[in-house]
Amino acid sequence: MATLQIENIPEELYARLQELAAAQNLSITAFAIAILEAELSTETKSLSGKNKNSVTEILAEISHRRESRPANMGMILDSTALIREERDK
């Protein structure tokens, strides 16, 4: 089994870790391992799960959002035009 050593943990964080471990009747080591396992399994699931969008889908969604914004429908003036207008005064 591998060993992980973490240095320079803030006192407040370590105290909170102690409290949570004690509340679950676990050692700090066992509780830290449980946190790491839970976090890493959640991350792995989200990376390999159905919720992951492809780059193409993300870009299509961004494009759709841009098209649906009022600025792209001529409802809001372009700031460049406003700046030029003020300079010409």
C-alpha atoms as a PDB file:
ATOM      1  CA  MET A   1       0.000   0.000   0.000  1.00  0.00           C
ATOM      2  CA  ALA A   2       1.296   3.472  -0.904  1.00  0.00           C
ATOM      3  CA  THR A   3       1.898   6.267   1.573  1.00  0.00           C
ATOM      4  CA  LEU A   4       0.724   9.835   1.095  1.00  0.00           C
ATOM      5  CA  GLN A   5       2.170  12.566   3.266  1.00  0.00           C
ATOM      6  CA  ILE A   6       0.617  16.025   3.294  1.00  0.00           C
ATOM      7  CA  GLU A   7       2.487  18.890   4.886  1.00  0.00           C
ATOM      8  CA  ASN A   8       1.506  22.424   5.829  1.00  0.00           C
ATOM      9  CA  ILE A   9      -2.182  21.743   6.390  1.00  0.00           C
ATOM     10  CA  PRO A  10      -3.845  24.820   7.881  1.00  0.00           C
ATOM     11  CA  GLU A  11      -4.752  24.336  11.562  1.00  0.00           C
ATOM     12  CA  GLU A  12      -8.439  25.102  10.930  1.00  0.00           C
ATOM     13  CA  LEU A  13      -8.642  22.491   8.169  1.00  0.00           C
ATOM     14  CA  TYR A  14      -6.930  19.867  10.308  1.00  0.00           C
ATOM     15  CA  ALA A  15      -9.224  20.608  13.241  1.00  0.00           C
ATOM     16  CA  ARG A  16     -12.272  20.248  10.987  1.00  0.00           C
ATOM     17  CA  LEU A  17     -10.900  16.961   9.646  1.00  0.00           C
ATOM     18  CA  GLN A  18     -10.446  15.712  13.224  1.00  0.00           C
ATOM     19  CA  GLU A  19     -14.006  16.705  14.139  1.00  0.00           C
ATOM     20  CA  LEU A  20     -15.571  15.012  11.132  1.00  0.00           C
ATOM     21  CA  ALA A  21     -13.498  11.863  11.570  1.00  0.00           C
ATOM     22  CA  ALA A  22     -14.443  11.630  15.246  1.00  0.00           C
ATOM     23  CA  ALA A  23     -18.116  12.149  14.417  1.00  0.00           C
ATOM     24  CA  GLN A  24     -17.967   9.074  12.178  1.00  0.00           C
ATOM     25  CA  ASN A  25     -15.814   7.069  14.588  1.00  0.00           C
ATOM     26  CA  LEU A  26     -12.946   6.954  12.100  1.00  0.00           C
ATOM     27  CA  SER A  27      -9.290   7.789  12.350  1.00  0.00           C
ATOM     28  CA  ILE A  28      -8.112  10.851  10.486  1.00  0.00           C
ATOM     29  CA  THR A  29      -6.325   8.591   8.019  1.00  0.00           C
ATOM     30  CA  ALA A  30      -9.412   6.448   7.375  1.00  0.00           C
ATOM     31  CA  PHE A  31     -11.594   9.529   6.993  1.00  0.00           C
ATOM     32  CA  ALA A  32      -9.145  11.198   4.579  1.00  0.00           C
ATOM     33  CA  ILE A  33      -9.054   8.017   2.489  1.00  0.00           C
ATOM     34  CA  ALA A  34     -12.858   7.919   2.445  1.00  0.00           C
ATOM     35  CA  ILE A  35     -12.993  11.548   1.265  1.00  0.00           C
ATOM     36  CA  LEU A  36     -10.458  10.872  -1.486  1.00  0.00           C
ATOM     37  CA  GLU A  37     -12.286   7.729  -2.635  1.00  0.00           C
ATOM     38  CA  ALA A  38     -15.634   9.518  -2.740  1.00  0.00           C
ATOM     39  CA  GLU A  39     -14.270  12.531  -4.601  1.00  0.00           C
ATOM     40  CA  LEU A  40     -12.277  10.541  -7.116  1.00  0.00           C
ATOM     41  CA  SER A  41     -15.124   8.127  -7.855  1.00  0.00           C
ATOM     42  CA  THR A  42     -17.499  11.066  -8.406  1.00  0.00           C
ATOM     43  CA  GLU A  43     -15.009  12.743 -10.741  1.00  0.00           C
ATOM     44  CA  THR A  44     -14.433   9.516 -12.659  1.00  0.00           C
ATOM     45  CA  LYS A  45     -18.174   8.983 -13.050  1.00  0.00           C
ATOM     46  CA  SER A  46     -18.690  12.502 -14.348  1.00  0.00           C
ATOM     47  CA  LEU A  47     -15.830  12.132 -16.824  1.00  0.00           C
ATOM     48  CA  SER A  48     -17.058   8.829 -18.199  1.00  0.00           C
ATOM     49  CA  GLY A  49     -20.798   9.308 -17.668  1.00  0.00           C
ATOM     50  CA  LYS A  50     -23.554  10.396 -19.988  1.00  0.00           C
ATOM     51  CA  ASN A  51     -23.497  13.943 -18.613  1.00  0.00           C
ATOM     52  CA  LYS A  52     -20.256  14.657 -20.410  1.00  0.00           C
ATOM     53  CA  ASN A  53     -20.818  16.765 -23.496  1.00  0.00           C
ATOM     54  CA  SER A  54     -18.562  16.554 -26.490  1.00  0.00           C
ATOM     55  CA  VAL A  55     -16.648  19.626 -27.579  1.00  0.00           C
ATOM     56  CA  THR A  56     -18.918  19.887 -30.620  1.00  0.00           C
ATOM     57  CA  GLU A  57     -22.039  19.903 -28.419  1.00  0.00           C
ATOM     58  CA  ILE A  58     -20.559  22.536 -26.111  1.00  0.00           C
ATOM     59  CA  LEU A  59     -19.617  24.788 -29.031  1.00  0.00           C
ATOM     60  CA  ALA A  60     -23.083  24.366 -30.557  1.00  0.00           C
ATOM     61  CA  GLU A  61     -24.667  25.361 -27.236  1.00  0.00           C
ATOM     62  CA  ILE A  62     -22.438  28.439 -26.985  1.00  0.00           C
ATOM     63  CA  SER A  63     -23.341  29.429 -30.524  1.00  0.00           C
ATOM     64  CA  HIS A  64     -27.036  28.956 -29.791  1.00  0.00           C
ATOM     65  CA  ARG A  65     -26.763  31.124 -26.680  1.00  0.00           C
ATOM     66  CA  ARG A  66     -25.048  33.868 -28.653  1.00  0.00           C
ATOM     67  CA  GLU A  67     -27.748  33.783 -31.314  1.00  0.00           C
ATOM     68  CA  SER A  68     -30.512  34.065 -28.743  1.00  0.00           C
ATOM     69  CA  ARG A  69     -29.029  37.109 -26.976  1.00  0.00           C
ATOM     70  CA  PRO A  70     -30.689  40.463 -27.658  1.00  0.00           C
ATOM     71  CA  ALA A  71     -27.332  41.987 -28.614  1.00  0.00           C
ATOM     72  CA  ASN A  72     -27.280  39.762 -31.674  1.00  0.00           C
ATOM     73  CA  MET A  73     -30.771  40.812 -32.708  1.00  0.00           C
ATOM     74  CA  GLY A  74     -30.029  44.515 -32.916  1.00  0.00           C
ATOM     75  CA  MET A  75     -31.833  45.393 -29.678  1.00  0.00           C
ATOM     76  CA  ILE A  76     -28.692  46.660 -27.944  1.00  0.00           C
ATOM     77  CA  LEU A  77     -26.317  49.123 -29.593  1.00  0.00           C
ATOM     78  CA  ASP A  78     -22.761  48.081 -30.196  1.00  0.00           C
ATOM     79  CA  SER A  79     -20.449  49.810 -27.713  1.00  0.00           C
ATOM     80  CA  THR A  80     -18.002  50.621 -30.497  1.00  0.00           C
ATOM     81  CA  ALA A  81     -20.624  52.714 -32.257  1.00  0.00           C
ATOM     82  CA  LEU A  82     -21.441  54.538 -29.034  1.00  0.00           C
ATOM     83  CA  ILE A  83     -17.780  55.338 -28.389  1.00  0.00           C
ATOM     84  CA  ARG A  84     -17.304  56.650 -31.929  1.00  0.00           C
ATOM     85  CA  GLU A  85     -20.418  58.784 -31.584  1.00  0.00           C
ATOM     86  CA  GLU A  86     -19.107  60.328 -28.361  1.00  0.00           C
ATOM     87  CA  ARG A  87     -15.696  61.022 -29.927  1.00  0.00           C
ATOM     88  CA  ASP A  88     -17.295  62.803 -32.885  1.00  0.00           C
ATOM     89  CA  LYS A  89     -19.118  65.267 -30.618  1.00  0.00           C
END
